[in-house]
Each structure stands twice: as structure tokens, then as C-alpha cells.
PDB file of all heavy atoms in Angstrom:
ATOM      1  N   GLY A   1      48.020 -50.152-124.832  1.00  0.00           N
ATOM      2  CA  GLY A   1      48.740 -51.368-125.243  1.00  0.00           C
ATOM      3  C   GLY A   1      49.410 -51.198-126.598  1.00  0.00           C
ATOM      4  O   GLY A   1      50.557 -51.654-126.806  1.00  0.00           O
ATOM      5  N   ILE A   2      48.725 -50.564-127.537  1.00  0.00           N
ATOM      6  CA  ILE A   2      49.331 -50.302-128.851  1.00  0.00           C
ATOM      7  C   ILE A   2      50.491 -49.316-128.709  1.00  0.00           C
ATOM      8  O   ILE A   2      51.532 -49.453-129.349  1.00  0.00           O
ATOM      9  CB  ILE A   2      48.268 -49.777-129.822  1.00  0.00           C
ATOM     10  CG1 ILE A   2      47.229 -50.874-130.100  1.00  0.00           C
ATOM     11  CG2 ILE A   2      48.920 -49.322-131.134  1.00  0.00           C
ATOM     12  CD1 ILE A   2      46.066 -50.419-130.959  1.00  0.00           C
ATOM     13  N   ALA A   3      50.306 -48.319-127.819  1.00  0.00           N
ATOM     14  CA  ALA A   3      51.377 -47.337-127.584  1.00  0.00           C
ATOM     15  C   ALA A   3      52.663 -48.012-127.104  1.00  0.00           C
ATOM     16  O   ALA A   3      53.755 -47.707-127.574  1.00  0.00           O
ATOM     17  CB  ALA A   3      50.914 -46.283-126.580  1.00  0.00           C
ATOM     18  N   GLN A   4      52.527 -48.964-126.148  1.00  0.00           N
ATOM     19  CA  GLN A   4      53.740 -49.632-125.664  1.00  0.00           C
ATOM     20  C   GLN A   4      54.405 -50.450-126.784  1.00  0.00           C
ATOM     21  O   GLN A   4      55.620 -50.587-126.811  1.00  0.00           O
ATOM     22  CB  GLN A   4      53.427 -50.495-124.439  1.00  0.00           C
ATOM     23  CG  GLN A   4      52.497 -51.676-124.640  1.00  0.00           C
ATOM     24  CD  GLN A   4      53.150 -52.912-125.219  1.00  0.00           C
ATOM     25  OE1 GLN A   4      54.363 -53.101-125.083  1.00  0.00           O
ATOM     26  NE2 GLN A   4      52.366 -53.742-125.903  1.00  0.00           N
ATOM     27  N   ALA A   5      53.586 -50.984-127.700  1.00  0.00           N
ATOM     28  CA  ALA A   5      54.156 -51.747-128.821  1.00  0.00           C
ATOM     29  C   ALA A   5      54.925 -50.843-129.779  1.00  0.00           C
ATOM     30  O   ALA A   5      55.829 -51.289-130.472  1.00  0.00           O
ATOM     31  CB  ALA A   5      53.034 -52.487-129.566  1.00  0.00           C
ATOM     32  N   LEU A   6      54.562 -49.557-129.813  1.00  0.00           N
ATOM     33  CA  LEU A   6      55.190 -48.622-130.748  1.00  0.00           C
ATOM     34  C   LEU A   6      56.463 -47.998-130.183  1.00  0.00           C
ATOM     35  O   LEU A   6      57.229 -47.370-130.937  1.00  0.00           O
ATOM     36  CB  LEU A   6      54.218 -47.495-131.104  1.00  0.00           C
ATOM     37  CG  LEU A   6      52.999 -47.895-131.941  1.00  0.00           C
ATOM     38  CD1 LEU A   6      52.084 -46.697-132.125  1.00  0.00           C
ATOM     39  CD2 LEU A   6      53.431 -48.462-133.266  1.00  0.00           C
ATOM     40  N   ILE A   7      56.692 -48.150-128.888  1.00  0.00           N
ATOM     41  CA  ILE A   7      57.888 -47.546-128.291  1.00  0.00           C
ATOM     42  C   ILE A   7      59.148 -48.166-128.899  1.00  0.00           C
ATOM     43  O   ILE A   7      59.266 -49.391-129.022  1.00  0.00           O
ATOM     44  CB  ILE A   7      57.873 -47.735-126.763  1.00  0.00           C
ATOM     45  CG1 ILE A   7      56.769 -46.852-126.145  1.00  0.00           C
ATOM     46  CG2 ILE A   7      59.222 -47.379-126.135  1.00  0.00           C
ATOM     47  CD1 ILE A   7      56.576 -47.048-124.654  1.00  0.00           C
ATOM     48  N   GLY A   8      60.066 -47.300-129.294  1.00  0.00           N
ATOM     49  CA  GLY A   8      61.275 -47.743-129.971  1.00  0.00           C
ATOM     50  C   GLY A   8      61.147 -47.736-131.482  1.00  0.00           C
ATOM     51  O   GLY A   8      62.101 -48.060-132.184  1.00  0.00           O
ATOM     52  N   ASP A   9      59.960 -47.377-131.986  1.00  0.00           N
ATOM     53  CA  ASP A   9      59.693 -47.320-133.419  1.00  0.00           C
ATOM     54  C   ASP A   9      60.069 -48.611-134.128  1.00  0.00           C
ATOM     55  O   ASP A   9      60.870 -48.622-135.084  1.00  0.00           O
ATOM     56  CB  ASP A   9      60.433 -46.152-134.065  1.00  0.00           C
ATOM     57  CG  ASP A   9      59.928 -45.848-135.465  1.00  0.00           C
ATOM     58  OD1 ASP A   9      58.747 -46.179-135.759  1.00  0.00           O
ATOM     59  OD2 ASP A   9      60.704 -45.287-136.265  1.00  0.00           O
ATOM     60  N   PRO A  10      59.516 -49.754-133.678  1.00  0.00           N
ATOM     61  CA  PRO A  10      59.838 -51.036-134.323  1.00  0.00           C
ATOM     62  C   PRO A  10      59.255 -51.094-135.724  1.00  0.00           C
ATOM     63  O   PRO A  10      58.231 -50.490-136.012  1.00  0.00           O
ATOM     64  CB  PRO A  10      59.157 -52.072-133.404  1.00  0.00           C
ATOM     65  CG  PRO A  10      58.005 -51.324-132.811  1.00  0.00           C
ATOM     66  CD  PRO A  10      58.506 -49.918-132.617  1.00  0.00           C
ATOM     67  N   LYS A  11      59.929 -51.860-136.597  1.00  0.00           N
ATOM     68  CA  LYS A  11      59.470 -51.965-137.961  1.00  0.00           C
ATOM     69  C   LYS A  11      58.317 -52.952-138.118  1.00  0.00           C
ATOM     70  O   LYS A  11      57.517 -52.853-139.043  1.00  0.00           O
ATOM     71  CB  LYS A  11      60.620 -52.365-138.889  1.00  0.00           C
ATOM     72  CG  LYS A  11      61.703 -51.281-138.962  1.00  0.00           C
ATOM     73  CD  LYS A  11      62.831 -51.694-139.897  1.00  0.00           C
ATOM     74  CE  LYS A  11      63.901 -50.616-139.976  1.00  0.00           C
ATOM     75  NZ  LYS A  11      65.015 -51.003-140.866  1.00  0.00           N
ATOM     76  N   LEU A  12      58.249 -53.916-137.187  1.00  0.00           N
ATOM     77  CA  LEU A  12      57.191 -54.932-137.233  1.00  0.00           C
ATOM     78  C   LEU A  12      56.295 -54.778-136.009  1.00  0.00           C
ATOM     79  O   LEU A  12      56.778 -54.729-134.884  1.00  0.00           O
ATOM     80  CB  LEU A  12      57.798 -56.346-137.231  1.00  0.00           C
ATOM     81  CG  LEU A  12      56.810 -57.513-137.060  1.00  0.00           C
ATOM     82  CD1 LEU A  12      55.849 -57.591-138.248  1.00  0.00           C
ATOM     83  CD2 LEU A  12      57.553 -58.819-136.884  1.00  0.00           C
ATOM     84  N   ILE A  13      54.979 -54.696-136.259  1.00  0.00           N
ATOM     85  CA  ILE A  13      53.977 -54.625-135.193  1.00  0.00           C
ATOM     86  C   ILE A  13      53.092 -55.874-135.280  1.00  0.00           C
ATOM     87  O   ILE A  13      52.529 -56.164-136.339  1.00  0.00           O
ATOM     88  CB  ILE A  13      53.085 -53.374-135.314  1.00  0.00           C
ATOM     89  CG1 ILE A  13      53.938 -52.112-135.412  1.00  0.00           C
ATOM     90  CG2 ILE A  13      52.111 -53.292-134.146  1.00  0.00           C
ATOM     91  CD1 ILE A  13      54.684 -51.750-134.176  1.00  0.00           C
ATOM     92  N   ILE A  14      52.989 -56.605-134.175  1.00  0.00           N
ATOM     93  CA  ILE A  14      52.090 -57.773-134.111  1.00  0.00           C
ATOM     94  C   ILE A  14      50.945 -57.436-133.170  1.00  0.00           C
ATOM     95  O   ILE A  14      51.167 -57.070-132.002  1.00  0.00           O
ATOM     96  CB  ILE A  14      52.834 -59.027-133.603  1.00  0.00           C
ATOM     97  CG1 ILE A  14      53.956 -59.407-134.556  1.00  0.00           C
ATOM     98  CG2 ILE A  14      51.855 -60.189-133.453  1.00  0.00           C
ATOM     99  CD1 ILE A  14      54.785 -60.591-134.077  1.00  0.00           C
ATOM    100  N   LEU A  15      49.725 -57.521-133.673  1.00  0.00           N
ATOM    101  CA  LEU A  15      48.525 -57.208-132.896  1.00  0.00           C
ATOM    102  C   LEU A  15      47.659 -58.447-132.812  1.00  0.00           C
ATOM    103  O   LEU A  15      47.192 -58.973-133.813  1.00  0.00           O
ATOM    104  CB  LEU A  15      47.736 -56.067-133.571  1.00  0.00           C
ATOM    105  CG  LEU A  15      48.512 -54.773-133.842  1.00  0.00           C
ATOM    106  CD1 LEU A  15      47.659 -53.808-134.632  1.00  0.00           C
ATOM    107  CD2 LEU A  15      48.973 -54.127-132.556  1.00  0.00           C
ATOM    108  N   ASP A  16      47.469 -58.948-131.570  1.00  0.00           N
ATOM    109  CA  ASP A  16      46.690 -60.165-131.352  1.00  0.00           C
ATOM    110  C   ASP A  16      45.327 -59.798-130.777  1.00  0.00           C
ATOM    111  O   ASP A  16      45.222 -59.340-129.644  1.00  0.00           O
ATOM    112  CB  ASP A  16      47.449 -61.082-130.379  1.00  0.00           C
ATOM    113  CG  ASP A  16      46.867 -62.485-130.329  1.00  0.00           C
ATOM    114  OD1 ASP A  16      45.863 -62.733-131.039  1.00  0.00           O
ATOM    115  OD2 ASP A  16      47.402 -63.329-129.596  1.00  0.00           O
ATOM    116  N   GLU A  17      44.296 -59.954-131.590  1.00  0.00           N
ATOM    117  CA  GLU A  17      42.903 -59.661-131.187  1.00  0.00           C
ATOM    118  C   GLU A  17      42.785 -58.244-130.588  1.00  0.00           C
ATOM    119  O   GLU A  17      42.339 -58.060-129.455  1.00  0.00           O
ATOM    120  CB  GLU A  17      42.412 -60.697-130.171  1.00  0.00           C
ATOM    121  CG  GLU A  17      42.469 -62.134-130.650  1.00  0.00           C
ATOM    122  CD  GLU A  17      41.413 -62.455-131.697  1.00  0.00           C
ATOM    123  OE1 GLU A  17      40.571 -61.589-131.988  1.00  0.00           O
ATOM    124  OE2 GLU A  17      41.450 -63.575-132.212  1.00  0.00           O
ATOM    125  N   PRO A  18      43.174 -57.194-131.335  1.00  0.00           N
ATOM    126  CA  PRO A  18      43.236 -55.849-130.744  1.00  0.00           C
ATOM    127  C   PRO A  18      41.882 -55.206-130.454  1.00  0.00           C
ATOM    128  O   PRO A  18      41.817 -54.219-129.725  1.00  0.00           O
ATOM    129  CB  PRO A  18      43.985 -55.043-131.807  1.00  0.00           C
ATOM    130  CG  PRO A  18      43.689 -55.753-133.077  1.00  0.00           C
ATOM    131  CD  PRO A  18      43.628 -57.211-132.722  1.00  0.00           C
ATOM    132  N   THR A  19      40.768 -55.743-130.998  1.00  0.00           N
ATOM    133  CA  THR A  19      39.469 -55.097-130.792  1.00  0.00           C
ATOM    134  C   THR A  19      38.504 -55.926-129.937  1.00  0.00           C
ATOM    135  O   THR A  19      37.342 -55.580-129.818  1.00  0.00           O
ATOM    136  CB  THR A  19      38.793 -54.789-132.126  1.00  0.00           C
ATOM    137  OG1 THR A  19      38.542 -56.017-132.828  1.00  0.00           O
ATOM    138  CG2 THR A  19      39.646 -53.867-132.986  1.00  0.00           C
ATOM    139  N   VAL A  20      39.007 -57.010-129.329  1.00  0.00           N
ATOM    140  CA  VAL A  20      38.136 -57.849-128.500  1.00  0.00           C
ATOM    141  C   VAL A  20      37.596 -57.050-127.323  1.00  0.00           C
ATOM    142  O   VAL A  20      38.332 -56.376-126.602  1.00  0.00           O
ATOM    143  CB  VAL A  20      38.899 -59.090-127.983  1.00  0.00           C
ATOM    144  CG1 VAL A  20      38.100 -59.811-126.922  1.00  0.00           C
ATOM    145  CG2 VAL A  20      39.207 -60.037-129.122  1.00  0.00           C
ATOM    146  N   GLY A  21      36.280 -57.118-127.128  1.00  0.00           N
ATOM    147  CA  GLY A  21      35.649 -56.453-125.987  1.00  0.00           C
ATOM    148  C   GLY A  21      35.367 -54.971-126.159  1.00  0.00           C
ATOM    149  O   GLY A  21      34.893 -54.322-125.224  1.00  0.00           O
ATOM    150  N   LEU A  22      35.629 -54.427-127.353  1.00  0.00           N
ATOM    151  CA  LEU A  22      35.404 -53.002-127.574  1.00  0.00           C
ATOM    152  C   LEU A  22      33.994 -52.771-128.132  1.00  0.00           C
ATOM    153  O   LEU A  22      33.418 -53.643-128.777  1.00  0.00           O
ATOM    154  CB  LEU A  22      36.433 -52.437-128.537  1.00  0.00           C
ATOM    155  CG  LEU A  22      37.922 -52.576-128.142  1.00  0.00           C
ATOM    156  CD1 LEU A  22      38.786 -51.851-129.158  1.00  0.00           C
ATOM    157  CD2 LEU A  22      38.158 -52.045-126.748  1.00  0.00           C
ATOM    158  N   ASP A  23      33.474 -51.557-127.885  1.00  0.00           N
ATOM    159  CA  ASP A  23      32.186 -51.222-128.466  1.00  0.00           C
ATOM    160  C   ASP A  23      32.391 -50.808-129.928  1.00  0.00           C
ATOM    161  O   ASP A  23      33.523 -50.603-130.378  1.00  0.00           O
ATOM    162  CB  ASP A  23      31.479 -50.127-127.640  1.00  0.00           C
ATOM    163  CG  ASP A  23      32.216 -48.790-127.666  1.00  0.00           C
ATOM    164  OD1 ASP A  23      32.773 -48.393-128.697  1.00  0.00           O
ATOM    165  OD2 ASP A  23      32.222 -48.127-126.608  1.00  0.00           O
ATOM    166  N   PRO A  24      31.310 -50.697-130.719  1.00  0.00           N
ATOM    167  CA  PRO A  24      31.444 -50.419-132.162  1.00  0.00           C
ATOM    168  C   PRO A  24      32.258 -49.160-132.459  1.00  0.00           C
ATOM    169  O   PRO A  24      33.060 -49.157-133.404  1.00  0.00           O
ATOM    170  CB  PRO A  24      29.990 -50.272-132.638  1.00  0.00           C
ATOM    171  CG  PRO A  24      29.225 -51.146-131.688  1.00  0.00           C
ATOM    172  CD  PRO A  24      29.903 -50.996-130.358  1.00  0.00           C
ATOM    173  N   LYS A  25      32.077 -48.101-131.692  1.00  0.00           N
ATOM    174  CA  LYS A  25      32.822 -46.870-131.939  1.00  0.00           C
ATOM    175  C   LYS A  25      34.315 -47.082-131.691  1.00  0.00           C
ATOM    176  O   LYS A  25      35.160 -46.643-132.467  1.00  0.00           O
ATOM    177  CB  LYS A  25      32.294 -45.751-131.046  1.00  0.00           C
ATOM    178  CG  LYS A  25      32.983 -44.397-131.242  1.00  0.00           C
ATOM    179  CD  LYS A  25      32.334 -43.334-130.372  1.00  0.00           C
ATOM    180  CE  LYS A  25      32.950 -41.970-130.608  1.00  0.00           C
ATOM    181  NZ  LYS A  25      34.361 -41.901-130.180  1.00  0.00           N
ATOM    182  N   GLN A  26      34.643 -47.789-130.606  1.00  0.00           N
ATOM    183  CA  GLN A  26      36.036 -48.058-130.284  1.00  0.00           C
ATOM    184  C   GLN A  26      36.674 -48.962-131.343  1.00  0.00           C
ATOM    185  O   GLN A  26      37.847 -48.793-131.692  1.00  0.00           O
ATOM    186  CB  GLN A  26      36.149 -48.701-128.918  1.00  0.00           C
ATOM    187  CG  GLN A  26      35.747 -47.774-127.771  1.00  0.00           C
ATOM    188  CD  GLN A  26      35.580 -48.505-126.444  1.00  0.00           C
ATOM    189  OE1 GLN A  26      35.325 -49.708-126.417  1.00  0.00           O
ATOM    190  NE2 GLN A  26      35.715 -47.781-125.350  1.00  0.00           N
ATOM    191  N   ILE A  27      35.907 -49.925-131.870  1.00  0.00           N
ATOM    192  CA  ILE A  27      36.416 -50.818-132.903  1.00  0.00           C
ATOM    193  C   ILE A  27      36.808 -50.031-134.141  1.00  0.00           C
ATOM    194  O   ILE A  27      37.885 -50.236-134.723  1.00  0.00           O
ATOM    195  CB  ILE A  27      35.355 -51.900-133.260  1.00  0.00           C
ATOM    196  CG1 ILE A  27      35.247 -52.899-132.119  1.00  0.00           C
ATOM    197  CG2 ILE A  27      35.738 -52.620-134.557  1.00  0.00           C
ATOM    198  CD1 ILE A  27      34.126 -53.911-132.284  1.00  0.00           C
ATOM    199  N   VAL A  28      35.953 -49.110-134.550  1.00  0.00           N
ATOM    200  CA  VAL A  28      36.250 -48.269-135.728  1.00  0.00           C
ATOM    201  C   VAL A  28      37.509 -47.451-135.487  1.00  0.00           C
ATOM    202  O   VAL A  28      38.367 -47.321-136.369  1.00  0.00           O
ATOM    203  CB  VAL A  28      35.052 -47.361-136.049  1.00  0.00           C
ATOM    204  CG1 VAL A  28      35.433 -46.332-137.102  1.00  0.00           C
ATOM    205  CG2 VAL A  28      33.854 -48.176-136.524  1.00  0.00           C
ATOM    206  N   GLU A  29      37.647 -46.899-134.282  1.00  0.00           N
ATOM    207  CA  GLU A  29      38.822 -46.081-133.960  1.00  0.00           C
ATOM    208  C   GLU A  29      40.108 -46.907-134.021  1.00  0.00           C
ATOM    209  O   GLU A  29      41.110 -46.457-134.562  1.00  0.00           O
ATOM    210  CB  GLU A  29      38.658 -45.462-132.567  1.00  0.00           C
ATOM    211  CG  GLU A  29      37.577 -44.386-132.508  1.00  0.00           C
ATOM    212  CD  GLU A  29      37.301 -43.919-131.093  1.00  0.00           C
ATOM    213  OE1 GLU A  29      37.742 -44.598-130.140  1.00  0.00           O
ATOM    214  OE2 GLU A  29      36.634 -42.875-130.930  1.00  0.00           O
ATOM    215  N   ILE A  30      40.065 -48.133-133.452  1.00  0.00           N
ATOM    216  CA  ILE A  30      41.263 -48.981-133.464  1.00  0.00           C
ATOM    217  C   ILE A  30      41.590 -49.412-134.900  1.00  0.00           C
ATOM    218  O   ILE A  30      42.759 -49.466-135.307  1.00  0.00           O
ATOM    219  CB  ILE A  30      41.067 -50.202-132.550  1.00  0.00           C
ATOM    220  CG1 ILE A  30      40.940 -49.774-131.082  1.00  0.00           C
ATOM    221  CG2 ILE A  30      42.239 -51.171-132.711  1.00  0.00           C
ATOM    222  CD1 ILE A  30      42.161 -49.075-130.524  1.00  0.00           C
ATOM    223  N   ARG A  31      40.558 -49.734-135.693  1.00  0.00           N
ATOM    224  CA  ARG A  31      40.811 -50.112-137.079  1.00  0.00           C
ATOM    225  C   ARG A  31      41.461 -48.970-137.853  1.00  0.00           C
ATOM    226  O   ARG A  31      42.391 -49.185-138.656  1.00  0.00           O
ATOM    227  CB  ARG A  31      39.507 -50.520-137.767  1.00  0.00           C
ATOM    228  CG  ARG A  31      38.985 -51.882-137.321  1.00  0.00           C
ATOM    229  CD  ARG A  31      37.660 -52.204-137.990  1.00  0.00           C
ATOM    230  NE  ARG A  31      37.153 -53.497-137.578  1.00  0.00           N
ATOM    231  CZ  ARG A  31      35.975 -53.988-137.926  1.00  0.00           C
ATOM    232  NH1 ARG A  31      35.172 -53.276-138.736  1.00  0.00           N
ATOM    233  NH2 ARG A  31      35.573 -55.176-137.527  1.00  0.00           N
ATOM    234  N   ASN A  32      40.994 -47.758-137.636  1.00  0.00           N
ATOM    235  CA  ASN A  32      41.596 -46.606-138.306  1.00  0.00           C
ATOM    236  C   ASN A  32      43.044 -46.435-137.886  1.00  0.00           C
ATOM    237  O   ASN A  32      43.919 -46.094-138.719  1.00  0.00           O
ATOM    238  CB  ASN A  32      40.797 -45.320-137.995  1.00  0.00           C
ATOM    239  CG  ASN A  32      39.445 -45.307-138.692  1.00  0.00           C
ATOM    240  OD1 ASN A  32      39.244 -45.970-139.707  1.00  0.00           O
ATOM    241  ND2 ASN A  32      38.507 -44.542-138.154  1.00  0.00           N
ATOM    242  N   LEU A  33      43.321 -46.658-136.612  1.00  0.00           N
ATOM    243  CA  LEU A  33      44.688 -46.570-136.115  1.00  0.00           C
ATOM    244  C   LEU A  33      45.581 -47.623-136.767  1.00  0.00           C
ATOM    245  O   LEU A  33      46.707 -47.338-137.146  1.00  0.00           O
ATOM    246  CB  LEU A  33      44.689 -46.724-134.590  1.00  0.00           C
ATOM    247  CG  LEU A  33      46.062 -46.737-133.899  1.00  0.00           C
ATOM    248  CD1 LEU A  33      46.826 -45.463-134.221  1.00  0.00           C
ATOM    249  CD2 LEU A  33      45.882 -46.887-132.388  1.00  0.00           C
ATOM    250  N   ILE A  34      45.050 -48.827-136.922  1.00  0.00           N
ATOM    251  CA  ILE A  34      45.832 -49.903-137.552  1.00  0.00           C
ATOM    252  C   ILE A  34      46.170 -49.536-138.993  1.00  0.00           C
ATOM    253  O   ILE A  34      47.282 -49.768-139.470  1.00  0.00           O
ATOM    254  CB  ILE A  34      45.054 -51.241-137.489  1.00  0.00           C
ATOM    255  CG1 ILE A  34      44.945 -51.732-136.040  1.00  0.00           C
ATOM    256  CG2 ILE A  34      45.752 -52.316-138.348  1.00  0.00           C
ATOM    257  CD1 ILE A  34      44.008 -52.910-135.865  1.00  0.00           C
ATOM    258  N   ARG A  35      45.208 -48.953-139.705  1.00  0.00           N
ATOM    259  CA  ARG A  35      45.474 -48.517-141.093  1.00  0.00           C
ATOM    260  C   ARG A  35      46.610 -47.519-141.140  1.00  0.00           C
ATOM    261  O   ARG A  35      47.481 -47.571-142.022  1.00  0.00           O
ATOM    262  CB  ARG A  35      44.211 -47.897-141.690  1.00  0.00           C
ATOM    263  CG  ARG A  35      43.082 -48.892-141.989  1.00  0.00           C
ATOM    264  CD  ARG A  35      42.000 -48.228-142.821  1.00  0.00           C
ATOM    265  NE  ARG A  35      40.823 -49.048-142.913  1.00  0.00           N
ATOM    266  CZ  ARG A  35      39.751 -48.884-142.135  1.00  0.00           C
ATOM    267  NH1 ARG A  35      39.718 -47.919-141.248  1.00  0.00           N
ATOM    268  NH2 ARG A  35      38.708 -49.672-142.275  1.00  0.00           N
ATOM    269  N   ILE A  36      46.616 -46.582-140.176  1.00  0.00           N
ATOM    270  CA  ILE A  36      47.679 -45.573-140.127  1.00  0.00           C
ATOM    271  C   ILE A  36      49.016 -46.237-139.850  1.00  0.00           C
ATOM    272  O   ILE A  36      50.037 -45.913-140.463  1.00  0.00           O
ATOM    273  CB  ILE A  36      47.346 -44.507-139.060  1.00  0.00           C
ATOM    274  CG1 ILE A  36      46.102 -43.691-139.484  1.00  0.00           C
ATOM    275  CG2 ILE A  36      48.538 -43.583-138.839  1.00  0.00           C
ATOM    276  CD1 ILE A  36      45.576 -42.791-138.412  1.00  0.00           C
ATOM    277  N   LEU A  37      49.038 -47.183-138.901  1.00  0.00           N
ATOM    278  CA  LEU A  37      50.275 -47.885-138.576  1.00  0.00           C
ATOM    279  C   LEU A  37      50.841 -48.619-139.793  1.00  0.00           C
ATOM    280  O   LEU A  37      52.041 -48.737-139.962  1.00  0.00           O
ATOM    281  CB  LEU A  37      50.038 -48.881-137.442  1.00  0.00           C
ATOM    282  CG  LEU A  37      49.677 -48.316-136.070  1.00  0.00           C
ATOM    283  CD1 LEU A  37      49.426 -49.447-135.073  1.00  0.00           C
ATOM    284  CD2 LEU A  37      50.811 -47.427-135.565  1.00  0.00           C
TER     285      LEU A  37
END
């Protein structure tokens, strides 16, 4: 889902509840990805 949002290299990314339903390890991974973005 985040990958499709990045297609076209948009300058603005809107993420609505991106970690809902994820386990703790997945939450950390998504948070790290958001920091990079």
C-alpha cells in the first residue's frame, strides 16, 4: 500500500492509520520506513 502511494514520486504522502493490525516487529519496520520517507 505504501509502495502504490510512492509511485510517481509524489512530494506529499498521506498515511492513514498505517500500522493498524500489525504485530510489534511490523510496526517498528513501518515506523522506520516512515522516517525514511
